């Protein structure tokens, strides 16, 4: 299966392979996948960005917006998630 661009995977969908990963973090679901151009995407809750755009500045900006009373927890959890997603395959399986 391929998931790319601004696609959503929901319901009883089944996606397998190392190009896609998903989970839950601090009460919200997340998904990470390789787009058709081998760019890795990360969706956390309603936020969708290329993995390379999940910078420290973005993580702290989102923490201030969504979890102002738990800034450190939120930003640090996302740092770990971004690092994990960065360790996933960077090219499509052949």
N, C-alpha and C. Protein backbone atom coordinates (compact mmCIF):
# COMPACT_ATOMS: atom_id res chain seq x y z
N UNK A 1 0.85 -1.19 0.00
CA UNK A 1 0.00 0.00 0.00
C UNK A 1 0.88 1.23 0.00
N UNK A 2 0.40 2.30 -0.58
CA UNK A 2 1.11 3.56 -0.57
C UNK A 2 0.20 4.63 0.00
N UNK A 3 0.74 5.44 0.88
CA UNK A 3 0.03 6.58 1.45
C UNK A 3 0.89 7.79 1.15
N UNK A 4 0.31 8.82 0.56
CA UNK A 4 1.13 9.97 0.22
C UNK A 4 0.35 11.26 0.27
N UNK A 5 1.09 12.34 0.12
CA UNK A 5 0.48 13.65 0.10
C UNK A 5 -0.32 13.93 1.36
N UNK A 6 -1.53 14.36 1.19
CA UNK A 6 -2.39 14.68 2.32
C UNK A 6 -3.46 13.62 2.55
N UNK A 7 -3.13 12.38 2.21
CA UNK A 7 -4.07 11.26 2.38
C UNK A 7 -4.28 10.97 3.87
N UNK A 8 -5.42 10.42 4.18
CA UNK A 8 -5.76 10.00 5.54
C UNK A 8 -6.01 8.50 5.54
N UNK A 9 -5.54 7.83 6.57
CA UNK A 9 -5.82 6.41 6.76
C UNK A 9 -6.66 6.32 8.02
N UNK A 10 -7.86 5.71 7.91
CA UNK A 10 -8.75 5.65 9.07
C UNK A 10 -9.69 4.46 8.93
N UNK A 11 -10.55 4.32 9.93
CA UNK A 11 -11.52 3.22 9.91
C UNK A 11 -10.82 1.89 10.11
N UNK A 12 -11.17 0.93 9.32
CA UNK A 12 -10.59 -0.40 9.42
C UNK A 12 -9.48 -0.63 8.40
N UNK A 13 -8.85 0.44 7.95
CA UNK A 13 -7.78 0.32 6.95
C UNK A 13 -6.62 -0.49 7.51
N UNK A 14 -5.93 -1.19 6.64
CA UNK A 14 -4.78 -1.98 7.02
C UNK A 14 -3.64 -1.59 6.10
N UNK A 15 -2.56 -1.10 6.69
CA UNK A 15 -1.38 -0.72 5.93
C UNK A 15 -0.20 -1.43 6.56
N UNK A 16 0.64 -2.04 5.75
CA UNK A 16 1.78 -2.76 6.31
C UNK A 16 3.06 -2.37 5.59
N UNK A 17 4.16 -2.83 6.13
CA UNK A 17 5.46 -2.52 5.55
C UNK A 17 6.20 -1.52 6.42
N UNK A 18 7.48 -1.33 6.13
CA UNK A 18 8.30 -0.44 6.94
C UNK A 18 8.23 1.00 6.45
N UNK A 19 7.49 1.27 5.40
CA UNK A 19 7.37 2.64 4.90
C UNK A 19 6.31 3.41 5.69
N UNK A 20 5.54 2.71 6.51
CA UNK A 20 4.46 3.32 7.28
C UNK A 20 4.56 2.90 8.73
N UNK A 21 4.33 3.84 9.65
CA UNK A 21 4.29 3.54 11.08
C UNK A 21 3.21 4.41 11.70
N UNK A 22 2.62 3.92 12.79
CA UNK A 22 1.59 4.70 13.47
C UNK A 22 1.57 4.35 14.94
N UNK A 23 0.92 5.18 15.71
CA UNK A 23 0.81 4.92 17.14
C UNK A 23 0.02 6.01 17.83
N UNK A 24 0.15 6.04 19.15
CA UNK A 24 -0.51 7.02 20.01
C UNK A 24 0.56 7.68 20.87
N UNK A 25 0.43 8.98 21.07
CA UNK A 25 1.36 9.71 21.91
C UNK A 25 0.60 10.82 22.62
N UNK A 26 0.64 10.81 23.93
CA UNK A 26 -0.04 11.83 24.74
C UNK A 26 -1.50 12.01 24.35
N UNK A 27 -2.17 10.90 24.04
CA UNK A 27 -3.60 10.93 23.77
C UNK A 27 -3.99 11.22 22.33
N UNK A 28 -3.04 11.38 21.45
CA UNK A 28 -3.34 11.64 20.04
C UNK A 28 -2.68 10.60 19.16
N UNK A 29 -3.31 10.31 18.04
CA UNK A 29 -2.72 9.35 17.11
C UNK A 29 -1.71 10.06 16.21
N UNK A 30 -0.75 9.27 15.73
CA UNK A 30 0.24 9.78 14.78
C UNK A 30 0.46 8.75 13.70
N UNK A 31 0.86 9.22 12.54
CA UNK A 31 1.20 8.37 11.40
C UNK A 31 2.43 8.96 10.73
N UNK A 32 3.28 8.09 10.22
CA UNK A 32 4.44 8.54 9.44
C UNK A 32 4.56 7.63 8.24
N UNK A 33 4.80 8.20 7.08
CA UNK A 33 4.90 7.42 5.85
C UNK A 33 5.82 8.10 4.86
N UNK A 34 6.27 7.32 3.89
CA UNK A 34 7.04 7.86 2.78
C UNK A 34 6.08 8.25 1.67
N UNK A 35 6.19 9.47 1.20
CA UNK A 35 5.38 9.91 0.06
C UNK A 35 5.94 9.31 -1.22
N UNK A 36 5.26 9.55 -2.31
CA UNK A 36 5.69 8.99 -3.59
C UNK A 36 7.06 9.48 -4.00
N UNK A 37 7.47 10.64 -3.48
CA UNK A 37 8.79 11.19 -3.80
C UNK A 37 9.83 10.82 -2.74
N UNK A 38 9.53 9.83 -1.91
CA UNK A 38 10.40 9.35 -0.83
C UNK A 38 10.65 10.40 0.25
N UNK A 39 9.75 11.35 0.38
CA UNK A 39 9.81 12.32 1.47
C UNK A 39 8.97 11.75 2.61
N UNK A 40 9.54 11.73 3.82
CA UNK A 40 8.81 11.20 4.97
C UNK A 40 7.91 12.29 5.54
N UNK A 41 6.67 11.90 5.83
CA UNK A 41 5.66 12.78 6.42
C UNK A 41 5.36 12.32 7.84
N UNK A 42 4.94 13.26 8.68
CA UNK A 42 4.50 12.93 10.03
C UNK A 42 3.22 13.71 10.31
N UNK A 43 2.19 12.97 10.68
CA UNK A 43 0.93 13.56 11.14
C UNK A 43 0.78 13.24 12.61
N UNK A 44 0.57 14.26 13.41
CA UNK A 44 0.29 14.08 14.82
C UNK A 44 -0.99 14.85 15.11
N UNK A 45 -2.03 14.13 15.51
CA UNK A 45 -3.32 14.78 15.71
C UNK A 45 -3.76 15.44 14.41
N UNK A 46 -4.00 16.73 14.44
CA UNK A 46 -4.44 17.45 13.24
C UNK A 46 -3.28 18.12 12.51
N UNK A 47 -2.07 17.98 13.02
CA UNK A 47 -0.90 18.62 12.40
C UNK A 47 -0.23 17.66 11.42
N UNK A 48 -0.04 18.11 10.19
CA UNK A 48 0.61 17.31 9.16
C UNK A 48 1.72 18.13 8.53
N UNK A 49 2.95 17.60 8.60
CA UNK A 49 4.11 18.29 8.04
C UNK A 49 5.10 17.24 7.53
N UNK A 50 5.94 17.66 6.60
CA UNK A 50 7.07 16.82 6.22
C UNK A 50 7.90 16.63 7.49
N UNK A 51 8.53 15.47 7.63
CA UNK A 51 9.31 15.21 8.83
C UNK A 51 10.39 16.28 9.02
N UNK A 52 10.98 16.71 7.93
CA UNK A 52 12.04 17.73 8.02
C UNK A 52 11.53 19.06 8.56
N UNK A 53 10.24 19.29 8.54
CA UNK A 53 9.65 20.53 9.04
C UNK A 53 9.34 20.49 10.54
N UNK A 54 9.44 19.29 11.13
CA UNK A 54 9.17 19.14 12.57
C UNK A 54 10.42 19.56 13.35
N UNK A 55 10.78 20.83 13.23
CA UNK A 55 11.95 21.38 13.88
C UNK A 55 11.67 21.67 15.35
N UNK A 56 12.72 21.99 16.08
CA UNK A 56 12.56 22.38 17.49
C UNK A 56 11.59 23.56 17.59
N UNK A 57 11.74 24.54 16.70
CA UNK A 57 10.87 25.72 16.73
C UNK A 57 9.40 25.33 16.53
N UNK A 58 9.12 24.47 15.57
CA UNK A 58 7.74 24.03 15.34
C UNK A 58 7.21 23.27 16.55
N UNK A 59 8.01 22.35 17.09
CA UNK A 59 7.55 21.56 18.24
C UNK A 59 7.20 22.46 19.42
N UNK A 60 8.00 23.45 19.72
CA UNK A 60 7.72 24.35 20.84
C UNK A 60 6.54 25.27 20.53
N UNK A 61 6.41 25.70 19.29
CA UNK A 61 5.26 26.52 18.90
C UNK A 61 3.97 25.74 19.11
N UNK A 62 3.96 24.47 18.68
CA UNK A 62 2.77 23.64 18.85
C UNK A 62 2.52 23.34 20.32
N UNK A 63 3.58 23.14 21.09
CA UNK A 63 3.42 22.90 22.52
C UNK A 63 2.74 24.10 23.19
N UNK A 64 3.16 25.31 22.83
CA UNK A 64 2.56 26.52 23.40
C UNK A 64 1.08 26.63 23.02
N UNK A 65 0.77 26.20 21.80
CA UNK A 65 -0.62 26.29 21.33
C UNK A 65 -1.51 25.23 21.94
N UNK A 66 -1.04 23.98 21.98
CA UNK A 66 -1.90 22.85 22.36
C UNK A 66 -1.75 22.40 23.81
N UNK A 67 -0.61 22.66 24.43
CA UNK A 67 -0.38 22.17 25.79
C UNK A 67 0.42 23.19 26.61
N UNK A 68 -0.10 24.39 26.78
CA UNK A 68 0.67 25.44 27.44
C UNK A 68 1.06 25.12 28.89
N UNK A 69 0.34 24.23 29.54
CA UNK A 69 0.68 23.89 30.93
C UNK A 69 1.67 22.73 31.01
N UNK A 70 1.97 22.10 29.87
CA UNK A 70 2.90 20.95 29.85
C UNK A 70 3.90 21.09 28.69
N UNK A 71 4.47 22.26 28.57
CA UNK A 71 5.35 22.56 27.43
C UNK A 71 6.47 21.54 27.28
N UNK A 72 7.21 21.31 28.34
CA UNK A 72 8.36 20.41 28.27
C UNK A 72 7.97 18.99 27.90
N UNK A 73 6.94 18.47 28.53
CA UNK A 73 6.48 17.11 28.25
C UNK A 73 6.11 16.98 26.78
N UNK A 74 5.31 17.90 26.29
CA UNK A 74 4.83 17.86 24.91
C UNK A 74 5.99 17.98 23.91
N UNK A 75 6.83 19.00 24.09
CA UNK A 75 7.93 19.23 23.15
C UNK A 75 8.93 18.07 23.18
N UNK A 76 9.24 17.55 24.35
CA UNK A 76 10.21 16.46 24.44
C UNK A 76 9.66 15.15 23.89
N UNK A 77 8.37 14.90 24.09
CA UNK A 77 7.75 13.70 23.52
C UNK A 77 7.80 13.77 22.00
N UNK A 78 7.56 14.95 21.46
CA UNK A 78 7.61 15.10 20.00
C UNK A 78 9.03 15.00 19.46
N UNK A 79 9.99 15.46 20.23
CA UNK A 79 11.39 15.29 19.82
C UNK A 79 11.70 13.80 19.67
N UNK A 80 11.26 13.00 20.65
CA UNK A 80 11.49 11.55 20.58
C UNK A 80 10.77 10.93 19.39
N UNK A 81 9.53 11.38 19.13
CA UNK A 81 8.76 10.86 17.99
C UNK A 81 9.44 11.21 16.67
N UNK A 82 9.91 12.44 16.54
CA UNK A 82 10.59 12.86 15.31
C UNK A 82 11.87 12.05 15.12
N UNK A 83 12.61 11.82 16.19
CA UNK A 83 13.83 10.99 16.09
C UNK A 83 13.49 9.57 15.66
N UNK A 84 12.44 9.00 16.26
CA UNK A 84 12.03 7.66 15.88
C UNK A 84 11.67 7.61 14.40
N UNK A 85 10.83 8.54 13.96
CA UNK A 85 10.41 8.55 12.54
C UNK A 85 11.61 8.76 11.62
N UNK A 86 12.58 9.53 12.09
CA UNK A 86 13.79 9.74 11.31
C UNK A 86 14.64 8.49 11.16
N UNK A 87 14.42 7.52 12.04
CA UNK A 87 15.17 6.26 11.96
C UNK A 87 14.50 5.25 11.03
N UNK A 88 13.29 5.54 10.58
CA UNK A 88 12.56 4.64 9.69
C UNK A 88 13.17 4.70 8.28
N UNK A 89 12.89 3.72 7.44
CA UNK A 89 13.46 3.70 6.09
C UNK A 89 13.24 5.02 5.34
N UNK A 90 14.28 5.42 4.63
CA UNK A 90 14.22 6.67 3.88
C UNK A 90 13.98 6.44 2.39
N UNK A 91 13.90 5.18 2.01
CA UNK A 91 13.62 4.85 0.61
C UNK A 91 12.57 3.75 0.57
N UNK A 92 11.85 3.70 -0.52
CA UNK A 92 10.84 2.68 -0.72
C UNK A 92 11.50 1.31 -0.91
N UNK A 93 10.85 0.30 -0.37
CA UNK A 93 11.32 -1.07 -0.57
C UNK A 93 11.20 -1.41 -2.04
N UNK A 94 12.15 -2.13 -2.56
CA UNK A 94 12.14 -2.46 -3.98
C UNK A 94 11.75 -3.91 -4.19
